[in-house]
Amino acid sequence: MISVGDQFPAFSLQNQDGETMTNADFAGAPALFYFYPKDDTSGCTTEACGFRDAFPRFEGVRVAGISPDSAKSHRKFADKYSLPFTLLADEGHKLAEACGVWVEKEMYGKKYMGVQRASFLVDAGGKVTKVWPKVTPAGHADEVLAAVAASARK
């Protein structure tokens, strides 16, 4: 998994509107990249709605949720829950792999590959300043806001 001090990996992914976005679209301001397994599932919805509800307090911080779902799936998810931030479609899970969050998981004794729920706070120059390697969906937005406030005080 990438660490504090690393450059966030280069990417080119479609957002929920089918527009291609790259690192350059997030340069010049802090950004939060949060990885989640699947649109419109209970934990992922809890996490996304937490960011939605806290979004006005993310002044100057760009927020992007990333999962292997398609841009079309992201559009439905964003519309259903009125998500005001970017969702990026990492369908080939290349960015998840580059960040070290494409991992072996297990459910009901069956092993499979999937996204580990994790978040990365990145500075205006693209350097990782904080990592949450294993996220609990409820309350995560508040954890991120506390870290943003702490870094602003430095």
N, C-alpha and C. Protein backbone atom coordinates (compact mmCIF):
# COMPACT_ATOMS: atom_id res chain seq x y z
N MET A 1 0.84 -1.18 0.00
CA MET A 1 0.00 0.00 0.00
C MET A 1 0.89 1.24 0.00
N ILE A 2 0.47 2.25 -0.77
CA ILE A 2 1.25 3.48 -0.79
C ILE A 2 1.20 4.11 0.61
N SER A 3 2.20 4.92 0.91
CA SER A 3 2.37 5.47 2.25
C SER A 3 2.45 6.98 2.25
N VAL A 4 2.39 7.54 3.44
CA VAL A 4 2.59 8.98 3.60
C VAL A 4 3.93 9.35 3.00
N GLY A 5 3.95 10.41 2.21
CA GLY A 5 5.18 10.86 1.55
C GLY A 5 5.28 10.40 0.10
N ASP A 6 4.54 9.36 -0.27
CA ASP A 6 4.54 8.88 -1.66
C ASP A 6 3.71 9.82 -2.53
N GLN A 7 4.04 9.85 -3.82
CA GLN A 7 3.18 10.53 -4.79
C GLN A 7 1.98 9.63 -5.05
N PHE A 8 0.80 10.22 -5.13
CA PHE A 8 -0.37 9.43 -5.48
C PHE A 8 -0.19 8.97 -6.93
N PRO A 9 -0.46 7.70 -7.24
CA PRO A 9 -0.22 7.17 -8.60
C PRO A 9 -0.98 7.93 -9.69
N ALA A 10 -0.36 8.01 -10.85
CA ALA A 10 -1.00 8.63 -12.00
C ALA A 10 -2.20 7.79 -12.42
N PHE A 11 -3.26 8.47 -12.86
CA PHE A 11 -4.45 7.76 -13.32
C PHE A 11 -5.16 8.54 -14.40
N SER A 12 -5.99 7.83 -15.14
CA SER A 12 -6.89 8.40 -16.13
C SER A 12 -8.15 7.53 -16.08
N LEU A 13 -9.20 8.06 -15.45
CA LEU A 13 -10.42 7.28 -15.21
C LEU A 13 -11.65 8.12 -15.57
N GLN A 14 -12.73 7.44 -15.92
CA GLN A 14 -13.98 8.13 -16.19
C GLN A 14 -14.70 8.46 -14.89
N ASN A 15 -15.32 9.64 -14.85
CA ASN A 15 -16.16 9.97 -13.70
C ASN A 15 -17.60 9.52 -13.98
N GLN A 16 -18.51 9.86 -13.09
CA GLN A 16 -19.89 9.42 -13.21
C GLN A 16 -20.61 10.01 -14.42
N ASP A 17 -20.01 11.02 -15.05
CA ASP A 17 -20.60 11.61 -16.25
C ASP A 17 -19.92 11.12 -17.53
N GLY A 18 -19.01 10.15 -17.38
CA GLY A 18 -18.32 9.60 -18.54
C GLY A 18 -17.15 10.46 -19.01
N GLU A 19 -16.80 11.50 -18.25
CA GLU A 19 -15.67 12.36 -18.60
C GLU A 19 -14.39 11.77 -18.03
N THR A 20 -13.32 11.83 -18.81
CA THR A 20 -12.03 11.32 -18.35
C THR A 20 -11.38 12.33 -17.42
N MET A 21 -10.95 11.83 -16.27
CA MET A 21 -10.27 12.68 -15.29
C MET A 21 -8.90 12.08 -14.99
N THR A 22 -7.93 12.96 -14.74
CA THR A 22 -6.58 12.53 -14.41
C THR A 22 -6.13 13.25 -13.14
N ASN A 23 -4.92 12.94 -12.71
CA ASN A 23 -4.34 13.62 -11.54
C ASN A 23 -4.39 15.13 -11.71
N ALA A 24 -4.18 15.59 -12.94
CA ALA A 24 -4.15 17.04 -13.21
C ALA A 24 -5.45 17.72 -12.79
N ASP A 25 -6.57 17.00 -12.86
CA ASP A 25 -7.86 17.58 -12.47
C ASP A 25 -7.95 17.81 -10.96
N PHE A 26 -7.08 17.17 -10.20
CA PHE A 26 -7.09 17.31 -8.75
C PHE A 26 -5.90 18.10 -8.22
N ALA A 27 -5.01 18.53 -9.12
CA ALA A 27 -3.81 19.26 -8.71
C ALA A 27 -4.17 20.66 -8.25
N GLY A 28 -3.33 21.20 -7.37
CA GLY A 28 -3.50 22.58 -6.93
C GLY A 28 -4.33 22.75 -5.67
N ALA A 29 -4.91 21.68 -5.17
CA ALA A 29 -5.69 21.72 -3.94
C ALA A 29 -5.60 20.34 -3.28
N PRO A 30 -5.80 20.28 -1.97
CA PRO A 30 -5.82 18.97 -1.33
C PRO A 30 -6.96 18.12 -1.89
N ALA A 31 -6.77 16.81 -1.86
CA ALA A 31 -7.81 15.90 -2.34
C ALA A 31 -7.88 14.67 -1.44
N LEU A 32 -9.07 14.13 -1.35
CA LEU A 32 -9.27 12.86 -0.65
C LEU A 32 -9.71 11.86 -1.70
N PHE A 33 -8.96 10.76 -1.82
CA PHE A 33 -9.33 9.66 -2.69
C PHE A 33 -9.73 8.51 -1.79
N TYR A 34 -11.01 8.14 -1.83
CA TYR A 34 -11.44 7.02 -1.00
C TYR A 34 -11.89 5.87 -1.89
N PHE A 35 -11.36 4.69 -1.58
CA PHE A 35 -11.67 3.48 -2.32
C PHE A 35 -12.76 2.72 -1.58
N TYR A 36 -13.73 2.24 -2.34
CA TYR A 36 -14.81 1.46 -1.76
C TYR A 36 -15.14 0.31 -2.71
N PRO A 37 -15.69 -0.79 -2.18
CA PRO A 37 -15.90 -1.98 -3.00
C PRO A 37 -16.98 -1.90 -4.08
N LYS A 38 -18.18 -1.35 -3.76
CA LYS A 38 -19.28 -1.46 -4.73
C LYS A 38 -20.36 -0.42 -4.48
N ASP A 39 -20.83 0.17 -5.58
CA ASP A 39 -21.93 1.14 -5.49
C ASP A 39 -23.18 0.51 -4.88
N ASP A 40 -23.90 1.34 -4.11
CA ASP A 40 -25.24 1.01 -3.62
C ASP A 40 -25.30 -0.26 -2.77
N THR A 41 -24.23 -0.54 -2.03
CA THR A 41 -24.26 -1.60 -1.02
C THR A 41 -24.28 -0.90 0.34
N SER A 42 -24.63 -1.61 1.39
CA SER A 42 -24.89 -0.94 2.66
C SER A 42 -23.68 -0.14 3.19
N GLY A 43 -22.52 -0.77 3.31
CA GLY A 43 -21.35 -0.06 3.84
C GLY A 43 -20.91 1.08 2.94
N CYS A 44 -20.93 0.85 1.64
CA CYS A 44 -20.49 1.87 0.69
C CYS A 44 -21.46 3.05 0.67
N THR A 45 -22.74 2.77 0.84
CA THR A 45 -23.73 3.84 0.89
C THR A 45 -23.57 4.65 2.18
N THR A 46 -23.34 3.96 3.29
CA THR A 46 -23.10 4.65 4.57
C THR A 46 -21.92 5.59 4.45
N GLU A 47 -20.83 5.11 3.86
CA GLU A 47 -19.62 5.92 3.71
C GLU A 47 -19.87 7.11 2.78
N ALA A 48 -20.48 6.85 1.62
CA ALA A 48 -20.74 7.92 0.65
C ALA A 48 -21.68 8.98 1.23
N CYS A 49 -22.71 8.56 1.92
CA CYS A 49 -23.65 9.52 2.50
C CYS A 49 -23.00 10.31 3.64
N GLY A 50 -22.04 9.70 4.34
CA GLY A 50 -21.28 10.43 5.35
C GLY A 50 -20.49 11.55 4.71
N PHE A 51 -19.84 11.26 3.58
CA PHE A 51 -19.12 12.31 2.86
C PHE A 51 -20.09 13.36 2.29
N ARG A 52 -21.23 12.90 1.80
CA ARG A 52 -22.24 13.85 1.28
C ARG A 52 -22.67 14.82 2.38
N ASP A 53 -23.00 14.28 3.55
CA ASP A 53 -23.51 15.12 4.64
C ASP A 53 -22.43 16.07 5.17
N ALA A 54 -21.18 15.64 5.13
CA ALA A 54 -20.08 16.47 5.63
C ALA A 54 -19.48 17.35 4.53
N PHE A 55 -19.91 17.17 3.29
CA PHE A 55 -19.28 17.82 2.15
C PHE A 55 -19.12 19.34 2.29
N PRO A 56 -20.10 20.07 2.82
CA PRO A 56 -19.92 21.52 2.96
C PRO A 56 -18.72 21.88 3.86
N ARG A 57 -18.33 21.00 4.74
CA ARG A 57 -17.19 21.27 5.63
C ARG A 57 -15.85 20.91 4.98
N PHE A 58 -15.87 20.31 3.81
CA PHE A 58 -14.64 19.95 3.09
C PHE A 58 -14.18 21.13 2.23
N GLU A 59 -14.17 22.31 2.80
CA GLU A 59 -13.81 23.53 2.07
C GLU A 59 -12.42 23.40 1.45
N GLY A 60 -12.36 23.52 0.14
CA GLY A 60 -11.07 23.49 -0.55
C GLY A 60 -10.47 22.11 -0.75
N VAL A 61 -11.13 21.06 -0.24
CA VAL A 61 -10.64 19.69 -0.42
C VAL A 61 -11.53 18.99 -1.44
N ARG A 62 -10.91 18.49 -2.49
CA ARG A 62 -11.67 17.76 -3.50
C ARG A 62 -11.84 16.32 -3.02
N VAL A 63 -13.04 15.79 -3.19
CA VAL A 63 -13.35 14.43 -2.74
C VAL A 63 -13.67 13.57 -3.95
N ALA A 64 -13.06 12.39 -4.00
CA ALA A 64 -13.36 11.44 -5.08
C ALA A 64 -13.47 10.04 -4.51
N GLY A 65 -14.62 9.40 -4.77
CA GLY A 65 -14.81 8.00 -4.43
C GLY A 65 -14.41 7.16 -5.63
N ILE A 66 -13.73 6.03 -5.37
CA ILE A 66 -13.21 5.19 -6.46
C ILE A 66 -13.61 3.75 -6.20
N SER A 67 -14.21 3.12 -7.20
CA SER A 67 -14.52 1.69 -7.12
C SER A 67 -14.41 1.09 -8.51
N PRO A 68 -14.46 -0.25 -8.60
CA PRO A 68 -14.39 -0.90 -9.91
C PRO A 68 -15.69 -0.81 -10.73
N ASP A 69 -16.72 -0.19 -10.19
CA ASP A 69 -17.98 -0.06 -10.91
C ASP A 69 -17.83 0.86 -12.13
N SER A 70 -18.76 0.75 -13.06
CA SER A 70 -18.74 1.56 -14.28
C SER A 70 -19.19 2.99 -14.02
N ALA A 71 -18.91 3.86 -14.97
CA ALA A 71 -19.36 5.25 -14.88
C ALA A 71 -20.89 5.30 -14.81
N LYS A 72 -21.56 4.42 -15.54
CA LYS A 72 -23.02 4.37 -15.53
C LYS A 72 -23.55 3.99 -14.15
N SER A 73 -22.93 3.01 -13.51
CA SER A 73 -23.30 2.60 -12.16
C SER A 73 -23.07 3.76 -11.18
N HIS A 74 -21.95 4.45 -11.35
CA HIS A 74 -21.65 5.60 -10.49
C HIS A 74 -22.71 6.70 -10.65
N ARG A 75 -23.16 6.93 -11.90
CA ARG A 75 -24.17 7.96 -12.13
C ARG A 75 -25.45 7.63 -11.36
N LYS A 76 -25.89 6.36 -11.43
CA LYS A 76 -27.09 5.93 -10.71
C LYS A 76 -26.92 6.11 -9.20
N PHE A 77 -25.76 5.72 -8.70
CA PHE A 77 -25.44 5.81 -7.27
C PHE A 77 -25.45 7.29 -6.83
N ALA A 78 -24.79 8.13 -7.61
CA ALA A 78 -24.71 9.56 -7.28
C ALA A 78 -26.10 10.19 -7.30
N ASP A 79 -26.91 9.84 -8.30
CA ASP A 79 -28.26 10.40 -8.40
C ASP A 79 -29.15 9.92 -7.26
N LYS A 80 -29.09 8.64 -6.95
CA LYS A 80 -29.96 8.05 -5.93
C LYS A 80 -29.73 8.70 -4.56
N TYR A 81 -28.45 9.02 -4.24
CA TYR A 81 -28.12 9.55 -2.92
C TYR A 81 -27.68 11.01 -2.95
N SER A 82 -27.88 11.70 -4.07
CA SER A 82 -27.51 13.12 -4.21
C SER A 82 -26.07 13.37 -3.78
N LEU A 83 -25.14 12.59 -4.33
CA LEU A 83 -23.73 12.73 -3.98
C LEU A 83 -23.13 13.91 -4.74
N PRO A 84 -22.56 14.89 -4.02
CA PRO A 84 -22.07 16.12 -4.67
C PRO A 84 -20.60 16.08 -5.07
N PHE A 85 -19.99 14.92 -5.01
CA PHE A 85 -18.56 14.80 -5.31
C PHE A 85 -18.33 13.81 -6.44
N THR A 86 -17.10 13.73 -6.89
CA THR A 86 -16.71 12.90 -8.02
C THR A 86 -16.66 11.42 -7.63
N LEU A 87 -17.15 10.57 -8.53
CA LEU A 87 -16.97 9.12 -8.41
C LEU A 87 -16.17 8.69 -9.65
N LEU A 88 -15.10 7.94 -9.43
CA LEU A 88 -14.24 7.50 -10.52
C LEU A 88 -14.37 5.99 -10.74
N ALA A 89 -14.50 5.60 -12.00
CA ALA A 89 -14.68 4.20 -12.39
C ALA A 89 -13.32 3.57 -12.67
N ASP A 90 -12.86 2.74 -11.75
CA ASP A 90 -11.59 2.02 -11.88
C ASP A 90 -11.89 0.59 -12.30
N GLU A 91 -12.56 0.46 -13.48
CA GLU A 91 -13.08 -0.84 -13.91
C GLU A 91 -12.01 -1.92 -14.05
N GLY A 92 -10.83 -1.56 -14.46
CA GLY A 92 -9.75 -2.54 -14.58
C GLY A 92 -8.93 -2.67 -13.30
N HIS A 93 -9.37 -1.99 -12.27
CA HIS A 93 -8.74 -1.91 -10.94
C HIS A 93 -7.24 -1.61 -10.97
N LYS A 94 -6.79 -0.90 -12.01
CA LYS A 94 -5.37 -0.53 -12.11
C LYS A 94 -4.95 0.44 -11.02
N LEU A 95 -5.80 1.45 -10.74
CA LEU A 95 -5.45 2.41 -9.69
C LEU A 95 -5.50 1.74 -8.32
N ALA A 96 -6.49 0.89 -8.11
CA ALA A 96 -6.57 0.15 -6.84
C ALA A 96 -5.30 -0.69 -6.64
N GLU A 97 -4.84 -1.33 -7.71
CA GLU A 97 -3.61 -2.13 -7.62
C GLU A 97 -2.41 -1.23 -7.33
N ALA A 98 -2.32 -0.09 -8.03
CA ALA A 98 -1.18 0.83 -7.83
C ALA A 98 -1.15 1.37 -6.40
N CYS A 99 -2.32 1.53 -5.80
CA CYS A 99 -2.39 2.03 -4.42
C CYS A 99 -2.26 0.91 -3.38
N GLY A 100 -2.32 -0.33 -3.84
CA GLY A 100 -2.18 -1.47 -2.92
C GLY A 100 -3.47 -1.84 -2.21
N VAL A 101 -4.60 -1.48 -2.79
CA VAL A 101 -5.88 -1.79 -2.15
C VAL A 101 -6.70 -2.84 -2.92
N TRP A 102 -6.12 -3.43 -3.96
CA TRP A 102 -6.74 -4.56 -4.66
C TRP A 102 -6.17 -5.80 -4.01
N VAL A 103 -6.96 -6.44 -3.15
CA VAL A 103 -6.44 -7.48 -2.27
C VAL A 103 -7.33 -8.74 -2.29
N GLU A 104 -6.75 -9.81 -1.77
CA GLU A 104 -7.54 -11.03 -1.63
C GLU A 104 -8.45 -10.87 -0.41
N LYS A 105 -9.72 -11.20 -0.62
CA LYS A 105 -10.72 -11.12 0.44
C LYS A 105 -11.38 -12.48 0.59
N GLU A 106 -12.13 -12.61 1.65
CA GLU A 106 -12.83 -13.88 1.86
C GLU A 106 -14.23 -13.61 2.40
N MET A 107 -15.21 -14.33 1.81
CA MET A 107 -16.58 -14.24 2.30
C MET A 107 -17.19 -15.63 2.22
N TYR A 108 -17.75 -16.06 3.32
CA TYR A 108 -18.37 -17.39 3.41
C TYR A 108 -17.40 -18.49 2.97
N GLY A 109 -16.14 -18.33 3.34
CA GLY A 109 -15.12 -19.34 3.02
C GLY A 109 -14.60 -19.29 1.60
N LYS A 110 -15.12 -18.38 0.79
CA LYS A 110 -14.68 -18.25 -0.59
C LYS A 110 -13.72 -17.08 -0.73
N LYS A 111 -12.59 -17.32 -1.38
CA LYS A 111 -11.60 -16.26 -1.59
C LYS A 111 -11.82 -15.61 -2.96
N TYR A 112 -11.63 -14.31 -2.99
CA TYR A 112 -11.79 -13.55 -4.23
C TYR A 112 -10.96 -12.27 -4.12
N MET A 113 -10.76 -11.61 -5.25
CA MET A 113 -10.03 -10.34 -5.26
C MET A 113 -11.05 -9.20 -5.24
N GLY A 114 -10.72 -8.15 -4.46
CA GLY A 114 -11.61 -7.00 -4.37
C GLY A 114 -10.92 -5.81 -3.76
N VAL A 115 -11.66 -4.74 -3.64
CA VAL A 115 -11.13 -3.48 -3.11
C VAL A 115 -11.18 -3.49 -1.59
N GLN A 116 -10.04 -3.18 -0.98
CA GLN A 116 -9.99 -2.94 0.46
C GLN A 116 -10.42 -1.50 0.68
N ARG A 117 -11.37 -1.29 1.56
CA ARG A 117 -11.84 0.06 1.84
C ARG A 117 -10.70 0.85 2.49
N ALA A 118 -10.21 1.87 1.80
CA ALA A 118 -9.08 2.67 2.28
C ALA A 118 -9.20 4.07 1.72
N SER A 119 -8.55 5.03 2.39
CA SER A 119 -8.58 6.42 1.93
C SER A 119 -7.20 7.04 1.99
N PHE A 120 -7.00 8.00 1.08
CA PHE A 120 -5.71 8.70 0.98
C PHE A 120 -5.97 10.19 0.87
N LEU A 121 -5.40 10.94 1.81
CA LEU A 121 -5.45 12.40 1.74
C LEU A 121 -4.18 12.84 1.04
N VAL A 122 -4.33 13.69 0.04
CA VAL A 122 -3.22 14.08 -0.83
C VAL A 122 -3.13 15.61 -0.83
N ASP A 123 -1.90 16.13 -0.79
CA ASP A 123 -1.74 17.59 -0.80
C ASP A 123 -1.87 18.15 -2.22
N ALA A 124 -1.76 19.45 -2.34
CA ALA A 124 -1.95 20.13 -3.63
C ALA A 124 -0.96 19.68 -4.69
N GLY A 125 0.19 19.14 -4.26
CA GLY A 125 1.20 18.66 -5.20
C GLY A 125 1.10 17.17 -5.50
N GLY A 126 0.08 16.52 -4.94
CA GLY A 126 -0.14 15.09 -5.23
C GLY A 126 0.57 14.15 -4.29
N LYS A 127 1.15 14.69 -3.19
CA LYS A 127 1.84 13.82 -2.23
C LYS A 127 0.87 13.36 -1.15
N VAL A 128 0.94 12.07 -0.80
CA VAL A 128 0.07 11.50 0.22
C VAL A 128 0.48 12.06 1.59
N THR A 129 -0.51 12.63 2.32
CA THR A 129 -0.23 13.19 3.63
C THR A 129 -0.86 12.38 4.77
N LYS A 130 -1.85 11.54 4.45
CA LYS A 130 -2.49 10.71 5.46
C LYS A 130 -3.10 9.49 4.77
N VAL A 131 -2.99 8.35 5.43
CA VAL A 131 -3.54 7.10 4.90
C VAL A 131 -4.44 6.47 5.96
N TRP A 132 -5.60 6.03 5.54
CA TRP A 132 -6.48 5.21 6.37
C TRP A 132 -6.53 3.85 5.69
N PRO A 133 -5.72 2.87 6.16
CA PRO A 133 -5.62 1.60 5.44
C PRO A 133 -6.84 0.68 5.55
N LYS A 134 -7.59 0.80 6.62
CA LYS A 134 -8.79 -0.02 6.79
C LYS A 134 -9.86 0.88 7.39
N VAL A 135 -10.84 1.21 6.59
CA VAL A 135 -11.84 2.19 6.96
C VAL A 135 -13.12 1.52 7.46
N THR A 136 -13.68 2.10 8.52
CA THR A 136 -15.03 1.76 8.96
C THR A 136 -15.93 2.83 8.36
N PRO A 137 -16.94 2.44 7.56
CA PRO A 137 -17.74 3.43 6.83
C PRO A 137 -18.39 4.51 7.71
N ALA A 138 -19.03 4.11 8.80
CA ALA A 138 -19.71 5.09 9.64
C ALA A 138 -18.67 5.95 10.37
N GLY A 139 -18.80 7.25 10.22
CA GLY A 139 -17.91 8.17 10.91
C GLY A 139 -16.60 8.48 10.20
N HIS A 140 -16.36 7.86 9.05
CA HIS A 140 -15.08 8.08 8.36
C HIS A 140 -14.93 9.53 7.89
N ALA A 141 -16.00 10.14 7.41
CA ALA A 141 -15.91 11.53 6.95
C ALA A 141 -15.42 12.44 8.08
N ASP A 142 -15.88 12.20 9.30
CA ASP A 142 -15.44 13.01 10.44
C ASP A 142 -13.97 12.78 10.74
N GLU A 143 -13.49 11.53 10.59
CA GLU A 143 -12.05 11.26 10.77
C GLU A 143 -11.22 12.05 9.77
N VAL A 144 -11.69 12.08 8.54
CA VAL A 144 -10.97 12.80 7.49
C VAL A 144 -10.99 14.30 7.78
N LEU A 145 -12.13 14.83 8.17
CA LEU A 145 -12.22 16.26 8.49
C LEU A 145 -11.28 16.63 9.63
N ALA A 146 -11.16 15.76 10.63
CA ALA A 146 -10.23 16.02 11.75
C ALA A 146 -8.79 16.08 11.24
N ALA A 147 -8.44 15.19 10.32
CA ALA A 147 -7.08 15.18 9.76
C ALA A 147 -6.83 16.42 8.91
N VAL A 148 -7.85 16.85 8.16
CA VAL A 148 -7.72 18.06 7.34
C VAL A 148 -7.51 19.27 8.26
N ALA A 149 -8.28 19.34 9.33
CA ALA A 149 -8.15 20.45 10.28
C ALA A 149 -6.78 20.44 10.94
N ALA A 150 -6.30 19.26 11.30
CA ALA A 150 -4.98 19.15 11.94
C ALA A 150 -3.87 19.59 10.98
N SER A 151 -3.98 19.21 9.71
CA SER A 151 -2.94 19.60 8.75
C SER A 151 -3.00 21.09 8.46
N ALA A 152 -4.17 21.70 8.55
CA ALA A 152 -4.31 23.14 8.32
C ALA A 152 -3.67 23.94 9.46
N ARG A 153 -3.63 23.34 10.66
CA ARG A 153 -3.04 24.03 11.82
C ARG A 153 -1.51 23.99 11.78
N LYS A 154 -0.94 23.09 10.97
CA LYS A 154 0.53 22.95 10.94
C LYS A 154 1.18 24.10 10.22
